[in-house]
Amino acid sequence: MEEEERINGDFNHQVIPSITDWLDKNLFLEWGAIAGAVALKFIAGQVSNDKQS
């Protein structure tokens, strides 16, 4: 019976938030993480270009 497999109650305090949930609540850090990722991509591209020369 499907009804017997359900658990009723408030379990929000037991939920482990993911990193994306945490970043959604901290917009400043989210944009900082995005800017950091773009900067790392740019730096990696520059290093790659220097090695090819």
PDB file of N, CA and C in Angstrom:
ATOM      1  N   MET A   1       0.824  -1.168   0.000  1.00  0.00           N
ATOM      2  CA  MET A   1       0.000   0.000   0.000  1.00  0.00           C
ATOM      3  C   MET A   1       0.882   1.250   0.000  1.00  0.00           C
ATOM      4  N   GLU A   2       0.606   2.143  -0.910  1.00  0.00           N
ATOM      5  CA  GLU A   2       1.415   3.347  -1.041  1.00  0.00           C
ATOM      6  C   GLU A   2       1.300   4.262   0.171  1.00  0.00           C
ATOM      7  N   GLU A   3       0.142   4.333   0.779  1.00  0.00           N
ATOM      8  CA  GLU A   3      -0.049   5.231   1.919  1.00  0.00           C
ATOM      9  C   GLU A   3       0.845   4.862   3.093  1.00  0.00           C
ATOM     10  N   GLU A   4       1.164   3.614   3.242  1.00  0.00           N
ATOM     11  CA  GLU A   4       1.969   3.168   4.370  1.00  0.00           C
ATOM     12  C   GLU A   4       3.459   3.446   4.174  1.00  0.00           C
ATOM     13  N   GLU A   5       3.869   3.766   2.958  1.00  0.00           N
ATOM     14  CA  GLU A   5       5.269   4.054   2.685  1.00  0.00           C
ATOM     15  C   GLU A   5       5.613   5.522   2.898  1.00  0.00           C
ATOM     16  N   ARG A   6       4.638   6.365   3.131  1.00  0.00           N
ATOM     17  CA  ARG A   6       4.875   7.790   3.308  1.00  0.00           C
ATOM     18  C   ARG A   6       5.220   8.110   4.757  1.00  0.00           C
ATOM     19  N   ILE A   7       6.044   9.113   4.917  1.00  0.00           N
ATOM     20  CA  ILE A   7       6.375   9.622   6.246  1.00  0.00           C
ATOM     21  C   ILE A   7       5.941  11.070   6.289  1.00  0.00           C
ATOM     22  N   ASN A   8       5.112  11.421   7.237  1.00  0.00           N
ATOM     23  CA  ASN A   8       4.620  12.791   7.373  1.00  0.00           C
ATOM     24  C   ASN A   8       5.432  13.527   8.412  1.00  0.00           C
ATOM     25  N   GLY A   9       5.627  14.823   8.166  1.00  0.00           N
ATOM     26  CA  GLY A   9       6.338  15.640   9.136  1.00  0.00           C
ATOM     27  C   GLY A   9       7.192  16.689   8.461  1.00  0.00           C
ATOM     28  N   ASP A  10       7.777  17.551   9.275  1.00  0.00           N
ATOM     29  CA  ASP A  10       8.642  18.606   8.777  1.00  0.00           C
ATOM     30  C   ASP A  10      10.096  18.172   8.966  1.00  0.00           C
ATOM     31  N   PHE A  11      10.758  17.867   7.868  1.00  0.00           N
ATOM     32  CA  PHE A  11      12.134  17.391   7.918  1.00  0.00           C
ATOM     33  C   PHE A  11      13.094  18.384   7.269  1.00  0.00           C
ATOM     34  N   ASN A  12      12.661  19.647   7.112  1.00  0.00           N
ATOM     35  CA  ASN A  12      13.510  20.656   6.475  1.00  0.00           C
ATOM     36  C   ASN A  12      14.819  20.869   7.221  1.00  0.00           C
ATOM     37  N   HIS A  13      14.821  20.721   8.541  1.00  0.00           N
ATOM     38  CA  HIS A  13      16.042  20.927   9.315  1.00  0.00           C
ATOM     39  C   HIS A  13      17.064  19.811   9.097  1.00  0.00           C
ATOM     40  N   GLN A  14      16.645  18.727   8.470  1.00  0.00           N
ATOM     41  CA  GLN A  14      17.548  17.603   8.232  1.00  0.00           C
ATOM     42  C   GLN A  14      18.083  17.570   6.803  1.00  0.00           C
ATOM     43  N   VAL A  15      17.644  18.500   5.986  1.00  0.00           N
ATOM     44  CA  VAL A  15      18.076  18.532   4.592  1.00  0.00           C
ATOM     45  C   VAL A  15      19.470  19.138   4.527  1.00  0.00           C
ATOM     46  N   ILE A  16      20.364  18.486   3.802  1.00  0.00           N
ATOM     47  CA  ILE A  16      21.720  18.996   3.603  1.00  0.00           C
ATOM     48  C   ILE A  16      21.719  19.786   2.292  1.00  0.00           C
ATOM     49  N   PRO A  17      21.915  21.107   2.378  1.00  0.00           N
ATOM     50  CA  PRO A  17      21.865  21.912   1.150  1.00  0.00           C
ATOM     51  C   PRO A  17      23.074  21.640   0.257  1.00  0.00           C
ATOM     52  N   SER A  18      22.847  21.722  -1.031  1.00  0.00           N
ATOM     53  CA  SER A  18      23.950  21.556  -1.981  1.00  0.00           C
ATOM     54  C   SER A  18      24.688  22.886  -2.115  1.00  0.00           C
ATOM     55  N   ILE A  19      25.800  22.865  -2.802  1.00  0.00           N
ATOM     56  CA  ILE A  19      26.585  24.089  -3.004  1.00  0.00           C
ATOM     57  C   ILE A  19      25.795  25.086  -3.828  1.00  0.00           C
ATOM     58  N   THR A  20      24.977  24.618  -4.766  1.00  0.00           N
ATOM     59  CA  THR A  20      24.177  25.547  -5.566  1.00  0.00           C
ATOM     60  C   THR A  20      23.087  26.192  -4.726  1.00  0.00           C
ATOM     61  N   ASP A  21      22.506  25.471  -3.775  1.00  0.00           N
ATOM     62  CA  ASP A  21      21.530  26.063  -2.857  1.00  0.00           C
ATOM     63  C   ASP A  21      22.196  27.157  -2.034  1.00  0.00           C
ATOM     64  N   TRP A  22      23.396  26.888  -1.564  1.00  0.00           N
ATOM     65  CA  TRP A  22      24.124  27.852  -0.742  1.00  0.00           C
ATOM     66  C   TRP A  22      24.474  29.098  -1.547  1.00  0.00           C
ATOM     67  N   LEU A  23      24.898  28.901  -2.792  1.00  0.00           N
ATOM     68  CA  LEU A  23      25.243  30.040  -3.629  1.00  0.00           C
ATOM     69  C   LEU A  23      24.008  30.864  -3.996  1.00  0.00           C
ATOM     70  N   ASP A  24      22.854  30.205  -4.179  1.00  0.00           N
ATOM     71  CA  ASP A  24      21.621  30.934  -4.473  1.00  0.00           C
ATOM     72  C   ASP A  24      21.235  31.865  -3.331  1.00  0.00           C
ATOM     73  N   LYS A  25      21.564  31.508  -2.118  1.00  0.00           N
ATOM     74  CA  LYS A  25      21.251  32.346  -0.963  1.00  0.00           C
ATOM     75  C   LYS A  25      22.290  33.443  -0.755  1.00  0.00           C
ATOM     76  N   ASN A  26      23.460  33.315  -1.369  1.00  0.00           N
ATOM     77  CA  ASN A  26      24.555  34.284  -1.225  1.00  0.00           C
ATOM     78  C   ASN A  26      24.962  34.787  -2.609  1.00  0.00           C
ATOM     79  N   LEU A  27      24.197  35.747  -3.124  1.00  0.00           N
ATOM     80  CA  LEU A  27      24.417  36.209  -4.497  1.00  0.00           C
ATOM     81  C   LEU A  27      25.795  36.814  -4.694  1.00  0.00           C
ATOM     82  N   PHE A  28      26.321  37.517  -3.682  1.00  0.00           N
ATOM     83  CA  PHE A  28      27.651  38.108  -3.807  1.00  0.00           C
ATOM     84  C   PHE A  28      28.696  37.022  -4.034  1.00  0.00           C
ATOM     85  N   LEU A  29      28.608  35.935  -3.285  1.00  0.00           N
ATOM     86  CA  LEU A  29      29.560  34.837  -3.449  1.00  0.00           C
ATOM     87  C   LEU A  29      29.334  34.097  -4.762  1.00  0.00           C
ATOM     88  N   GLU A  30      28.077  34.014  -5.196  1.00  0.00           N
ATOM     89  CA  GLU A  30      27.788  33.358  -6.467  1.00  0.00           C
ATOM     90  C   GLU A  30      28.470  34.101  -7.617  1.00  0.00           C
ATOM     91  N   TRP A  31      28.311  35.427  -7.654  1.00  0.00           N
ATOM     92  CA  TRP A  31      28.949  36.200  -8.709  1.00  0.00           C
ATOM     93  C   TRP A  31      30.460  36.183  -8.571  1.00  0.00           C
ATOM     94  N   GLY A  32      30.962  36.133  -7.343  1.00  0.00           N
ATOM     95  CA  GLY A  32      32.399  36.013  -7.135  1.00  0.00           C
ATOM     96  C   GLY A  32      32.931  34.700  -7.666  1.00  0.00           C
ATOM     97  N   ALA A  33      32.179  33.623  -7.459  1.00  0.00           N
ATOM     98  CA  ALA A  33      32.591  32.311  -7.964  1.00  0.00           C
ATOM     99  C   ALA A  33      32.583  32.296  -9.491  1.00  0.00           C
ATOM    100  N   ILE A  34      31.580  32.926 -10.078  1.00  0.00           N
ATOM    101  CA  ILE A  34      31.515  32.997 -11.542  1.00  0.00           C
ATOM    102  C   ILE A  34      32.691  33.808 -12.086  1.00  0.00           C
ATOM    103  N   ALA A  35      32.965  34.962 -11.463  1.00  0.00           N
ATOM    104  CA  ALA A  35      34.084  35.792 -11.908  1.00  0.00           C
ATOM    105  C   ALA A  35      35.415  35.058 -11.733  1.00  0.00           C
ATOM    106  N   GLY A  36      35.555  34.310 -10.634  1.00  0.00           N
ATOM    107  CA  GLY A  36      36.777  33.539 -10.411  1.00  0.00           C
ATOM    108  C   GLY A  36      36.967  32.455 -11.451  1.00  0.00           C
ATOM    109  N   ALA A  37      35.874  31.790 -11.812  1.00  0.00           N
ATOM    110  CA  ALA A  37      35.964  30.740 -12.831  1.00  0.00           C
ATOM    111  C   ALA A  37      36.353  31.331 -14.191  1.00  0.00           C
ATOM    112  N   VAL A  38      35.788  32.485 -14.520  1.00  0.00           N
ATOM    113  CA  VAL A  38      36.136  33.145 -15.790  1.00  0.00           C
ATOM    114  C   VAL A  38      37.602  33.568 -15.771  1.00  0.00           C
ATOM    115  N   ALA A  39      38.057  34.094 -14.644  1.00  0.00           N
ATOM    116  CA  ALA A  39      39.459  34.518 -14.537  1.00  0.00           C
ATOM    117  C   ALA A  39      40.397  33.322 -14.688  1.00  0.00           C
ATOM    118  N   LEU A  40      40.069  32.208 -14.051  1.00  0.00           N
ATOM    119  CA  LEU A  40      40.907  31.007 -14.183  1.00  0.00           C
ATOM    120  C   LEU A  40      40.936  30.506 -15.621  1.00  0.00           C
ATOM    121  N   LYS A  41      39.799  30.550 -16.294  1.00  0.00           N
ATOM    122  CA  LYS A  41      39.740  30.132 -17.698  1.00  0.00           C
ATOM    123  C   LYS A  41      40.624  31.036 -18.556  1.00  0.00           C
ATOM    124  N   PHE A  42      40.566  32.344 -18.289  1.00  0.00           N
ATOM    125  CA  PHE A  42      41.388  33.296 -19.032  1.00  0.00           C
ATOM    126  C   PHE A  42      42.873  33.042 -18.785  1.00  0.00           C
ATOM    127  N   ILE A  43      43.241  32.848 -17.529  1.00  0.00           N
ATOM    128  CA  ILE A  43      44.649  32.599 -17.181  1.00  0.00           C
ATOM    129  C   ILE A  43      45.136  31.291 -17.798  1.00  0.00           C
ATOM    130  N   ALA A  44      44.300  30.255 -17.751  1.00  0.00           N
ATOM    131  CA  ALA A  44      44.682  28.976 -18.351  1.00  0.00           C
ATOM    132  C   ALA A  44      44.875  29.121 -19.852  1.00  0.00           C
ATOM    133  N   GLY A  45      44.051  29.921 -20.499  1.00  0.00           N
ATOM    134  CA  GLY A  45      44.207  30.177 -21.930  1.00  0.00           C
ATOM    135  C   GLY A  45      45.487  30.919 -22.236  1.00  0.00           C
ATOM    136  N   GLN A  46      45.846  31.867 -21.394  1.00  0.00           N
ATOM    137  CA  GLN A  46      47.096  32.613 -21.588  1.00  0.00           C
ATOM    138  C   GLN A  46      48.301  31.710 -21.413  1.00  0.00           C
ATOM    139  N   VAL A  47      48.285  30.864 -20.399  1.00  0.00           N
ATOM    140  CA  VAL A  47      49.394  29.930 -20.154  1.00  0.00           C
ATOM    141  C   VAL A  47      49.518  28.957 -21.320  1.00  0.00           C
ATOM    142  N   SER A  48      48.378  28.484 -21.819  1.00  0.00           N
ATOM    143  CA  SER A  48      48.385  27.553 -22.942  1.00  0.00           C
ATOM    144  C   SER A  48      48.978  28.211 -24.183  1.00  0.00           C
ATOM    145  N   ASN A  49      48.618  29.478 -24.433  1.00  0.00           N
ATOM    146  CA  ASN A  49      49.164  30.203 -25.581  1.00  0.00           C
ATOM    147  C   ASN A  49      50.656  30.426 -25.454  1.00  0.00           C
ATOM    148  N   ASP A  50      51.128  30.692 -24.245  1.00  0.00           N
ATOM    149  CA  ASP A  50      52.570  30.904 -24.025  1.00  0.00           C
ATOM    150  C   ASP A  50      53.362  29.632 -24.286  1.00  0.00           C
ATOM    151  N   LYS A  51      52.807  28.476 -23.925  1.00  0.00           N
ATOM    152  CA  LYS A  51      53.509  27.207 -24.122  1.00  0.00           C
ATOM    153  C   LYS A  51      53.573  26.830 -25.586  1.00  0.00           C
ATOM    154  N   GLN A  52      52.592  27.259 -26.375  1.00  0.00           N
ATOM    155  CA  GLN A  52      52.571  26.927 -27.795  1.00  0.00           C
ATOM    156  C   GLN A  52      53.548  27.785 -28.593  1.00  0.00           C
ATOM    157  N   SER A  53      53.922  28.932 -28.081  1.00  0.00           N
ATOM    158  CA  SER A  53      54.823  29.844 -28.807  1.00  0.00           C
ATOM    159  C   SER A  53      56.259  29.415 -28.755  1.00  0.00           C
TER     160      SER A  53
END
